N, C-alpha and C. Protein backbone atom coordinates (compact mmCIF):
# COMPACT_ATOMS: atom_id res chain seq x y z
N MET A 1 73.09 107.41 97.79
CA MET A 1 73.33 106.29 96.90
C MET A 1 74.60 105.57 97.35
N SER A 2 74.54 104.27 97.43
CA SER A 2 75.71 103.50 97.84
C SER A 2 76.53 103.08 96.62
N ILE A 3 77.76 102.75 96.88
CA ILE A 3 78.64 102.28 95.82
C ILE A 3 78.77 100.76 95.95
N SER A 4 78.79 100.08 94.85
CA SER A 4 78.88 98.62 94.88
C SER A 4 80.33 98.18 94.96
N MET A 5 80.54 96.94 95.37
CA MET A 5 81.89 96.39 95.43
C MET A 5 82.51 96.36 94.03
N HIS A 6 81.70 96.10 93.01
CA HIS A 6 82.23 96.12 91.65
C HIS A 6 82.71 97.52 91.29
N GLN A 7 81.88 98.53 91.57
CA GLN A 7 82.27 99.92 91.27
C GLN A 7 83.50 100.34 92.06
N ALA A 8 83.64 99.84 93.27
CA ALA A 8 84.77 100.21 94.13
C ALA A 8 86.05 99.47 93.76
N SER A 9 85.94 98.43 92.94
CA SER A 9 87.13 97.64 92.61
C SER A 9 87.49 97.70 91.13
N VAL A 10 86.65 97.20 90.27
CA VAL A 10 87.02 97.04 88.85
C VAL A 10 87.42 98.36 88.18
N PRO A 11 86.60 99.40 88.20
CA PRO A 11 87.02 100.63 87.52
C PRO A 11 88.25 101.28 88.15
N VAL A 12 88.37 101.19 89.46
CA VAL A 12 89.51 101.79 90.16
C VAL A 12 90.79 101.05 89.79
N LEU A 13 90.75 99.73 89.84
CA LEU A 13 91.93 98.94 89.49
C LEU A 13 92.29 99.11 88.01
N ALA A 14 91.30 99.08 87.14
CA ALA A 14 91.56 99.23 85.70
C ALA A 14 92.18 100.60 85.40
N ARG A 15 91.67 101.63 86.02
CA ARG A 15 92.23 102.97 85.80
C ARG A 15 93.68 103.05 86.26
N THR A 16 93.95 102.53 87.45
CA THR A 16 95.31 102.56 87.98
C THR A 16 96.25 101.77 87.08
N LEU A 17 95.81 100.63 86.59
CA LEU A 17 96.66 99.82 85.71
C LEU A 17 96.85 100.49 84.35
N ASN A 18 95.82 101.16 83.84
CA ASN A 18 95.99 101.92 82.59
C ASN A 18 97.00 103.05 82.78
N ASN A 19 96.97 103.70 83.94
CA ASN A 19 97.96 104.74 84.23
C ASN A 19 99.36 104.13 84.32
N LEU A 20 99.45 102.92 84.86
CA LEU A 20 100.74 102.23 84.93
C LEU A 20 101.27 101.95 83.53
N ILE A 21 100.40 101.56 82.61
CA ILE A 21 100.83 101.36 81.22
C ILE A 21 101.42 102.65 80.67
N HIS A 22 100.73 103.76 80.89
CA HIS A 22 101.21 105.06 80.42
C HIS A 22 102.60 105.36 80.98
N ILE A 23 102.80 105.11 82.25
CA ILE A 23 104.09 105.33 82.90
C ILE A 23 105.16 104.45 82.27
N LEU A 24 104.85 103.18 82.07
CA LEU A 24 105.81 102.25 81.47
C LEU A 24 106.11 102.62 80.02
N GLU A 25 105.12 103.09 79.29
CA GLU A 25 105.35 103.53 77.91
C GLU A 25 106.28 104.75 77.88
N LYS A 26 106.11 105.66 78.82
CA LYS A 26 107.01 106.81 78.89
C LYS A 26 108.43 106.36 79.21
N ALA A 27 108.56 105.37 80.08
CA ALA A 27 109.88 104.84 80.42
C ALA A 27 110.53 104.19 79.19
N ALA A 28 109.75 103.41 78.45
CA ALA A 28 110.29 102.77 77.25
C ALA A 28 110.73 103.81 76.23
N ALA A 29 109.96 104.86 76.07
CA ALA A 29 110.33 105.94 75.14
C ALA A 29 111.59 106.65 75.62
N HIS A 30 111.70 106.86 76.91
CA HIS A 30 112.88 107.51 77.50
C HIS A 30 114.14 106.67 77.21
N VAL A 31 114.03 105.37 77.45
CA VAL A 31 115.16 104.47 77.20
C VAL A 31 115.58 104.53 75.74
N GLU A 32 114.60 104.51 74.85
CA GLU A 32 114.87 104.56 73.42
C GLU A 32 115.51 105.89 73.02
N ALA A 33 114.94 106.99 73.49
CA ALA A 33 115.44 108.32 73.12
C ALA A 33 116.85 108.56 73.65
N LYS A 34 117.15 108.06 74.82
CA LYS A 34 118.47 108.29 75.45
C LYS A 34 119.47 107.18 75.13
N LYS A 35 119.01 106.17 74.37
CA LYS A 35 119.86 105.02 74.01
C LYS A 35 120.44 104.35 75.27
N LEU A 36 119.56 104.10 76.22
CA LEU A 36 119.95 103.48 77.49
C LEU A 36 119.72 101.97 77.45
N ASP A 37 120.35 101.29 78.36
CA ASP A 37 120.12 99.86 78.55
C ASP A 37 118.87 99.72 79.42
N ALA A 38 117.79 99.24 78.85
CA ALA A 38 116.51 99.14 79.57
C ALA A 38 116.64 98.28 80.83
N SER A 39 117.51 97.29 80.82
CA SER A 39 117.63 96.41 81.98
C SER A 39 118.09 97.17 83.23
N VAL A 40 118.79 98.28 83.03
CA VAL A 40 119.21 99.08 84.18
C VAL A 40 117.97 99.62 84.90
N LEU A 41 117.03 100.17 84.15
CA LEU A 41 115.80 100.68 84.78
C LEU A 41 114.94 99.53 85.31
N LEU A 42 114.82 98.48 84.55
CA LEU A 42 113.96 97.36 84.96
C LEU A 42 114.45 96.71 86.25
N ASN A 43 115.75 96.78 86.49
CA ASN A 43 116.33 96.18 87.69
C ASN A 43 116.64 97.20 88.78
N SER A 44 116.23 98.45 88.57
CA SER A 44 116.49 99.49 89.55
C SER A 44 115.54 99.35 90.74
N ARG A 45 116.02 99.82 91.85
CA ARG A 45 115.23 99.83 93.08
C ARG A 45 115.56 101.09 93.83
N LEU A 46 114.70 101.50 94.73
CA LEU A 46 114.93 102.72 95.49
C LEU A 46 115.88 102.51 96.66
N PHE A 47 115.93 101.31 97.18
CA PHE A 47 116.78 100.99 98.30
C PHE A 47 117.13 99.51 98.20
N PRO A 48 118.31 99.09 98.65
CA PRO A 48 118.73 97.70 98.45
C PRO A 48 117.76 96.63 98.93
N ASP A 49 116.97 96.92 99.98
CA ASP A 49 116.06 95.88 100.47
C ASP A 49 114.67 95.94 99.85
N MET A 50 114.50 96.78 98.83
CA MET A 50 113.22 96.87 98.12
C MET A 50 113.28 96.08 96.83
N PHE A 51 112.12 95.68 96.33
CA PHE A 51 112.06 94.98 95.05
C PHE A 51 112.39 95.92 93.91
N ALA A 52 112.93 95.34 92.84
CA ALA A 52 113.23 96.10 91.63
C ALA A 52 111.93 96.43 90.89
N LEU A 53 112.03 97.33 89.93
CA LEU A 53 110.88 97.83 89.17
C LEU A 53 110.04 96.68 88.60
N THR A 54 110.66 95.71 87.97
CA THR A 54 109.91 94.61 87.36
C THR A 54 109.02 93.92 88.39
N ARG A 55 109.57 93.65 89.55
CA ARG A 55 108.80 92.97 90.60
C ARG A 55 107.68 93.87 91.13
N GLN A 56 107.91 95.17 91.18
CA GLN A 56 106.86 96.10 91.61
C GLN A 56 105.63 95.98 90.70
N VAL A 57 105.88 95.93 89.39
CA VAL A 57 104.78 95.80 88.42
C VAL A 57 104.09 94.45 88.58
N GLN A 58 104.87 93.40 88.75
CA GLN A 58 104.28 92.07 88.93
C GLN A 58 103.38 92.02 90.16
N ILE A 59 103.83 92.60 91.25
CA ILE A 59 103.03 92.58 92.48
C ILE A 59 101.75 93.41 92.31
N ALA A 60 101.85 94.58 91.70
CA ALA A 60 100.66 95.41 91.48
C ALA A 60 99.62 94.65 90.65
N THR A 61 100.07 93.98 89.61
CA THR A 61 99.13 93.24 88.76
C THR A 61 98.59 92.00 89.46
N ASP A 62 99.43 91.33 90.23
CA ASP A 62 98.95 90.17 90.99
C ASP A 62 97.88 90.58 91.99
N MET A 63 98.09 91.71 92.66
CA MET A 63 97.10 92.20 93.61
C MET A 63 95.76 92.48 92.92
N ALA A 64 95.82 93.13 91.76
CA ALA A 64 94.59 93.51 91.05
C ALA A 64 93.81 92.28 90.59
N LYS A 65 94.48 91.36 89.93
CA LYS A 65 93.77 90.19 89.41
C LYS A 65 93.32 89.28 90.54
N GLY A 66 94.11 89.21 91.60
CA GLY A 66 93.73 88.40 92.75
C GLY A 66 92.51 88.96 93.46
N CYS A 67 92.43 90.26 93.51
CA CYS A 67 91.32 90.92 94.19
C CYS A 67 89.98 90.55 93.56
N VAL A 68 89.86 90.81 92.27
CA VAL A 68 88.56 90.56 91.64
C VAL A 68 88.19 89.09 91.68
N ALA A 69 89.19 88.23 91.50
CA ALA A 69 88.90 86.79 91.55
C ALA A 69 88.40 86.40 92.94
N ARG A 70 89.12 86.81 93.96
CA ARG A 70 88.72 86.43 95.32
C ARG A 70 87.37 87.02 95.72
N LEU A 71 87.12 88.27 95.32
CA LEU A 71 85.81 88.85 95.63
C LEU A 71 84.69 88.09 94.94
N ALA A 72 84.99 87.52 93.77
CA ALA A 72 83.99 86.74 93.04
C ALA A 72 83.93 85.29 93.51
N GLY A 73 84.82 84.91 94.42
CA GLY A 73 84.84 83.53 94.91
C GLY A 73 85.62 82.60 94.01
N ASP A 74 86.45 83.14 93.14
CA ASP A 74 87.27 82.35 92.21
C ASP A 74 88.71 82.27 92.68
N GLU A 75 89.44 81.34 92.10
CA GLU A 75 90.89 81.29 92.29
C GLU A 75 91.52 82.25 91.29
N PRO A 76 92.50 83.04 91.71
CA PRO A 76 93.16 83.96 90.77
C PRO A 76 93.92 83.21 89.68
N VAL A 77 93.91 83.79 88.50
CA VAL A 77 94.70 83.29 87.38
C VAL A 77 96.17 83.45 87.75
N LYS A 78 96.98 82.45 87.47
CA LYS A 78 98.41 82.54 87.76
C LYS A 78 99.13 82.99 86.49
N LEU A 79 100.04 83.94 86.66
CA LEU A 79 100.87 84.42 85.56
C LEU A 79 102.32 84.12 85.89
N GLU A 80 103.08 83.75 84.88
CA GLU A 80 104.52 83.57 85.07
C GLU A 80 105.15 84.93 85.26
N ASP A 81 106.19 85.00 86.05
CA ASP A 81 106.89 86.25 86.30
C ASP A 81 108.19 86.28 85.49
N GLY A 82 108.06 86.24 84.16
CA GLY A 82 109.24 86.17 83.30
C GLY A 82 109.51 87.41 82.49
N GLU A 83 108.90 88.53 82.85
CA GLU A 83 109.05 89.75 82.06
C GLU A 83 110.48 90.28 82.14
N THR A 84 111.04 90.62 80.97
CA THR A 84 112.42 91.13 80.92
C THR A 84 112.54 92.44 80.16
N THR A 85 111.42 92.93 79.62
CA THR A 85 111.45 94.18 78.86
C THR A 85 110.24 95.03 79.25
N PHE A 86 110.29 96.30 78.87
CA PHE A 86 109.12 97.15 79.10
C PHE A 86 107.93 96.63 78.31
N ALA A 87 108.17 96.15 77.10
CA ALA A 87 107.07 95.59 76.30
C ALA A 87 106.42 94.40 77.01
N ASP A 88 107.24 93.56 77.63
CA ASP A 88 106.70 92.42 78.40
C ASP A 88 105.84 92.90 79.56
N LEU A 89 106.32 93.91 80.28
CA LEU A 89 105.56 94.42 81.42
C LEU A 89 104.25 95.06 80.97
N ILE A 90 104.30 95.81 79.89
CA ILE A 90 103.08 96.44 79.36
C ILE A 90 102.08 95.38 78.94
N ALA A 91 102.56 94.32 78.29
CA ALA A 91 101.67 93.23 77.89
C ALA A 91 101.04 92.56 79.11
N ARG A 92 101.82 92.39 80.16
CA ARG A 92 101.28 91.80 81.39
C ARG A 92 100.18 92.68 81.98
N VAL A 93 100.44 93.96 82.05
CA VAL A 93 99.44 94.88 82.62
C VAL A 93 98.18 94.85 81.76
N ARG A 94 98.32 94.86 80.45
CA ARG A 94 97.14 94.79 79.57
C ARG A 94 96.36 93.50 79.80
N LYS A 95 97.07 92.40 79.94
CA LYS A 95 96.40 91.13 80.19
C LYS A 95 95.60 91.18 81.49
N VAL A 96 96.20 91.76 82.52
CA VAL A 96 95.52 91.85 83.81
C VAL A 96 94.33 92.79 83.74
N ILE A 97 94.43 93.87 82.99
CA ILE A 97 93.27 94.75 82.82
C ILE A 97 92.12 93.95 82.20
N GLY A 98 92.43 93.12 81.22
CA GLY A 98 91.40 92.26 80.62
C GLY A 98 90.76 91.33 81.63
N ILE A 99 91.58 90.76 82.50
CA ILE A 99 91.06 89.88 83.55
C ILE A 99 90.16 90.67 84.50
N VAL A 100 90.65 91.80 84.96
CA VAL A 100 89.89 92.63 85.91
C VAL A 100 88.56 93.07 85.30
N GLU A 101 88.62 93.60 84.08
CA GLU A 101 87.40 94.10 83.44
C GLU A 101 86.46 92.97 83.00
N GLY A 102 86.95 91.75 83.00
CA GLY A 102 86.11 90.61 82.64
C GLY A 102 85.11 90.23 83.72
N TYR A 103 85.32 90.73 84.92
CA TYR A 103 84.38 90.44 86.01
C TYR A 103 83.21 91.40 85.96
N LYS A 104 82.04 90.84 85.98
CA LYS A 104 80.80 91.61 85.90
C LYS A 104 80.29 91.94 87.31
N PRO A 105 79.46 92.98 87.42
CA PRO A 105 78.92 93.35 88.74
C PRO A 105 78.27 92.19 89.49
N ALA A 106 77.53 91.35 88.81
CA ALA A 106 76.84 90.24 89.48
C ALA A 106 77.82 89.28 90.15
N GLN A 107 79.06 89.23 89.67
CA GLN A 107 80.05 88.33 90.23
C GLN A 107 80.70 88.90 91.51
N ILE A 108 80.73 90.22 91.62
CA ILE A 108 81.47 90.86 92.72
C ILE A 108 80.55 91.55 93.72
N ASP A 109 79.46 92.13 93.26
CA ASP A 109 78.56 92.83 94.17
C ASP A 109 78.04 91.87 95.24
N GLY A 110 77.97 92.37 96.45
CA GLY A 110 77.53 91.54 97.58
C GLY A 110 78.67 90.81 98.26
N SER A 111 79.91 91.09 97.85
CA SER A 111 81.06 90.38 98.42
C SER A 111 81.65 91.09 99.64
N GLU A 112 80.96 92.11 100.14
CA GLU A 112 81.48 92.88 101.28
C GLU A 112 81.84 92.00 102.47
N THR A 113 81.04 90.96 102.71
CA THR A 113 81.27 90.11 103.88
C THR A 113 81.83 88.73 103.50
N ARG A 114 82.19 88.55 102.25
CA ARG A 114 82.78 87.27 101.82
C ARG A 114 84.10 87.06 102.55
N ASP A 115 84.33 85.85 103.03
CA ASP A 115 85.60 85.52 103.66
C ASP A 115 86.68 85.40 102.60
N VAL A 116 87.79 86.08 102.83
CA VAL A 116 88.95 86.02 101.95
C VAL A 116 90.13 85.60 102.81
N VAL A 117 90.77 84.51 102.40
CA VAL A 117 91.93 84.01 103.13
C VAL A 117 93.12 84.01 102.18
N LEU A 118 94.18 84.71 102.58
CA LEU A 118 95.42 84.73 101.81
C LEU A 118 96.44 83.88 102.54
N LYS A 119 97.02 82.93 101.83
CA LYS A 119 98.07 82.08 102.39
C LYS A 119 99.38 82.84 102.30
N SER A 120 100.13 82.80 103.36
CA SER A 120 101.40 83.52 103.42
C SER A 120 102.40 82.69 104.21
N PRO A 121 103.68 82.81 103.88
CA PRO A 121 104.69 82.11 104.69
C PRO A 121 104.65 82.52 106.16
N ARG A 122 104.12 83.70 106.42
CA ARG A 122 104.01 84.19 107.80
C ARG A 122 102.68 83.78 108.44
N GLY A 123 101.88 83.02 107.73
CA GLY A 123 100.59 82.59 108.24
C GLY A 123 99.45 83.14 107.42
N ASP A 124 98.28 82.58 107.61
CA ASP A 124 97.09 83.00 106.87
C ASP A 124 96.69 84.42 107.28
N MET A 125 96.22 85.18 106.29
CA MET A 125 95.63 86.49 106.55
C MET A 125 94.16 86.37 106.21
N ASN A 126 93.31 86.71 107.16
CA ASN A 126 91.87 86.57 107.02
C ASN A 126 91.20 87.94 106.93
N PHE A 127 90.35 88.08 105.93
CA PHE A 127 89.65 89.34 105.70
C PHE A 127 88.19 89.07 105.39
N LYS A 128 87.39 90.09 105.51
CA LYS A 128 86.07 90.15 104.88
C LYS A 128 86.28 90.94 103.59
N GLY A 129 85.44 90.73 102.60
CA GLY A 129 85.64 91.30 101.27
C GLY A 129 85.91 92.79 101.23
N GLN A 130 85.09 93.57 101.91
CA GLN A 130 85.27 95.02 101.85
C GLN A 130 86.58 95.45 102.50
N ALA A 131 86.93 94.86 103.63
CA ALA A 131 88.20 95.19 104.29
C ALA A 131 89.38 94.75 103.43
N TYR A 132 89.24 93.62 102.77
CA TYR A 132 90.29 93.14 101.87
C TYR A 132 90.53 94.14 100.74
N LEU A 133 89.45 94.60 100.11
CA LEU A 133 89.57 95.56 99.02
C LEU A 133 90.14 96.89 99.50
N GLN A 134 89.49 97.47 100.51
CA GLN A 134 89.83 98.83 100.92
C GLN A 134 91.09 98.93 101.77
N GLY A 135 91.35 97.94 102.59
CA GLY A 135 92.46 98.04 103.52
C GLY A 135 93.70 97.27 103.15
N PHE A 136 93.58 96.40 102.14
CA PHE A 136 94.73 95.60 101.74
C PHE A 136 95.07 95.77 100.27
N VAL A 137 94.12 95.49 99.39
CA VAL A 137 94.41 95.50 97.96
C VAL A 137 94.71 96.89 97.44
N LEU A 138 93.78 97.82 97.62
CA LEU A 138 94.00 99.16 97.06
C LEU A 138 95.28 99.81 97.59
N PRO A 139 95.56 99.78 98.90
CA PRO A 139 96.83 100.35 99.35
C PRO A 139 98.05 99.65 98.73
N ASN A 140 97.98 98.34 98.56
CA ASN A 140 99.10 97.61 97.96
C ASN A 140 99.28 97.97 96.49
N VAL A 141 98.20 98.02 95.75
CA VAL A 141 98.30 98.39 94.33
C VAL A 141 98.88 99.80 94.20
N TYR A 142 98.35 100.73 94.97
CA TYR A 142 98.86 102.10 94.92
C TYR A 142 100.34 102.15 95.33
N PHE A 143 100.72 101.41 96.36
CA PHE A 143 102.10 101.40 96.81
C PHE A 143 103.04 100.93 95.70
N HIS A 144 102.70 99.83 95.05
CA HIS A 144 103.60 99.26 94.05
C HIS A 144 103.61 100.08 92.75
N VAL A 145 102.49 100.67 92.39
CA VAL A 145 102.49 101.56 91.22
C VAL A 145 103.26 102.83 91.55
N THR A 146 103.07 103.36 92.75
CA THR A 146 103.82 104.55 93.16
C THR A 146 105.31 104.27 93.20
N THR A 147 105.69 103.11 93.69
CA THR A 147 107.11 102.76 93.74
C THR A 147 107.68 102.63 92.34
N THR A 148 106.93 102.06 91.42
CA THR A 148 107.35 101.99 90.02
C THR A 148 107.58 103.40 89.48
N TYR A 149 106.61 104.26 89.69
CA TYR A 149 106.71 105.67 89.28
C TYR A 149 107.97 106.30 89.87
N ASN A 150 108.18 106.11 91.17
CA ASN A 150 109.31 106.74 91.85
C ASN A 150 110.66 106.21 91.35
N ILE A 151 110.75 104.91 91.08
CA ILE A 151 111.99 104.36 90.53
C ILE A 151 112.30 105.03 89.20
N LEU A 152 111.29 105.12 88.34
CA LEU A 152 111.50 105.72 87.02
C LEU A 152 111.82 107.21 87.12
N ARG A 153 111.09 107.91 87.97
CA ARG A 153 111.32 109.35 88.15
C ARG A 153 112.73 109.60 88.68
N HIS A 154 113.13 108.79 89.64
CA HIS A 154 114.46 108.90 90.23
C HIS A 154 115.56 108.67 89.18
N ASN A 155 115.25 107.85 88.18
CA ASN A 155 116.21 107.53 87.13
C ASN A 155 116.07 108.42 85.90
N GLY A 156 115.36 109.53 86.03
CA GLY A 156 115.35 110.53 84.98
C GLY A 156 114.20 110.50 84.00
N VAL A 157 113.28 109.56 84.15
CA VAL A 157 112.13 109.54 83.26
C VAL A 157 111.24 110.74 83.63
N GLU A 158 110.88 111.51 82.63
CA GLU A 158 110.08 112.72 82.87
C GLU A 158 108.63 112.33 83.12
N LEU A 159 108.31 112.26 84.39
CA LEU A 159 106.96 111.91 84.85
C LEU A 159 106.48 112.99 85.79
N GLY A 160 105.19 113.20 85.79
CA GLY A 160 104.58 114.15 86.71
C GLY A 160 103.39 113.51 87.39
N LYS A 161 102.82 114.24 88.30
CA LYS A 161 101.69 113.75 89.09
C LYS A 161 100.55 113.26 88.20
N MET A 162 100.27 113.95 87.11
CA MET A 162 99.15 113.56 86.24
C MET A 162 99.42 112.24 85.52
N ASP A 163 100.68 111.85 85.38
CA ASP A 163 100.98 110.54 84.80
C ASP A 163 100.50 109.44 85.75
N PHE A 164 100.64 109.68 87.05
CA PHE A 164 100.19 108.72 88.03
C PHE A 164 98.67 108.73 88.18
N ILE A 165 98.11 109.93 88.28
CA ILE A 165 96.66 110.08 88.50
C ILE A 165 95.86 109.76 87.24
N GLY A 166 96.39 110.14 86.08
CA GLY A 166 95.69 109.94 84.82
C GLY A 166 94.75 111.08 84.51
N GLN A 167 94.23 111.05 83.33
CA GLN A 167 93.30 112.09 82.88
C GLN A 167 91.89 111.72 83.31
N PRO A 168 91.10 112.72 83.70
CA PRO A 168 89.72 112.45 84.12
C PRO A 168 88.85 111.92 82.98
């Protein structure tokens, strides 16, 4: 039995984003319990040349919503990047889950060979749908969610592997 492009994208992205919400909720609870300044965590980064936590979440969500739109032949919905609190970030992730889950199989299935072109300051990146999903989007989403997890873990938020993976 083969797996469809919808099955390979929408449920996987939605699950990862739901796990991201769980991670962000744990961070918000940690900040509240320890009476910390949330902006310290939101602006934390693992290394000076890496993006801060807020930008990591924005990129992960942009990748997810852009993926399903492009596989369906649509233009991705644009979101403002104005989040300044954990509540703002959680709301953004929830909104993107709604966008991702709004795409039906008929819109995405059969997109394996669809041309996907990403405009970049370094030049256009050209993909076929399946390579875009498997070799670009999923690794990027996982990278940015993992980096969010690692920033929070490094700053004392009690997170474990199952927070990232989620419950079956």
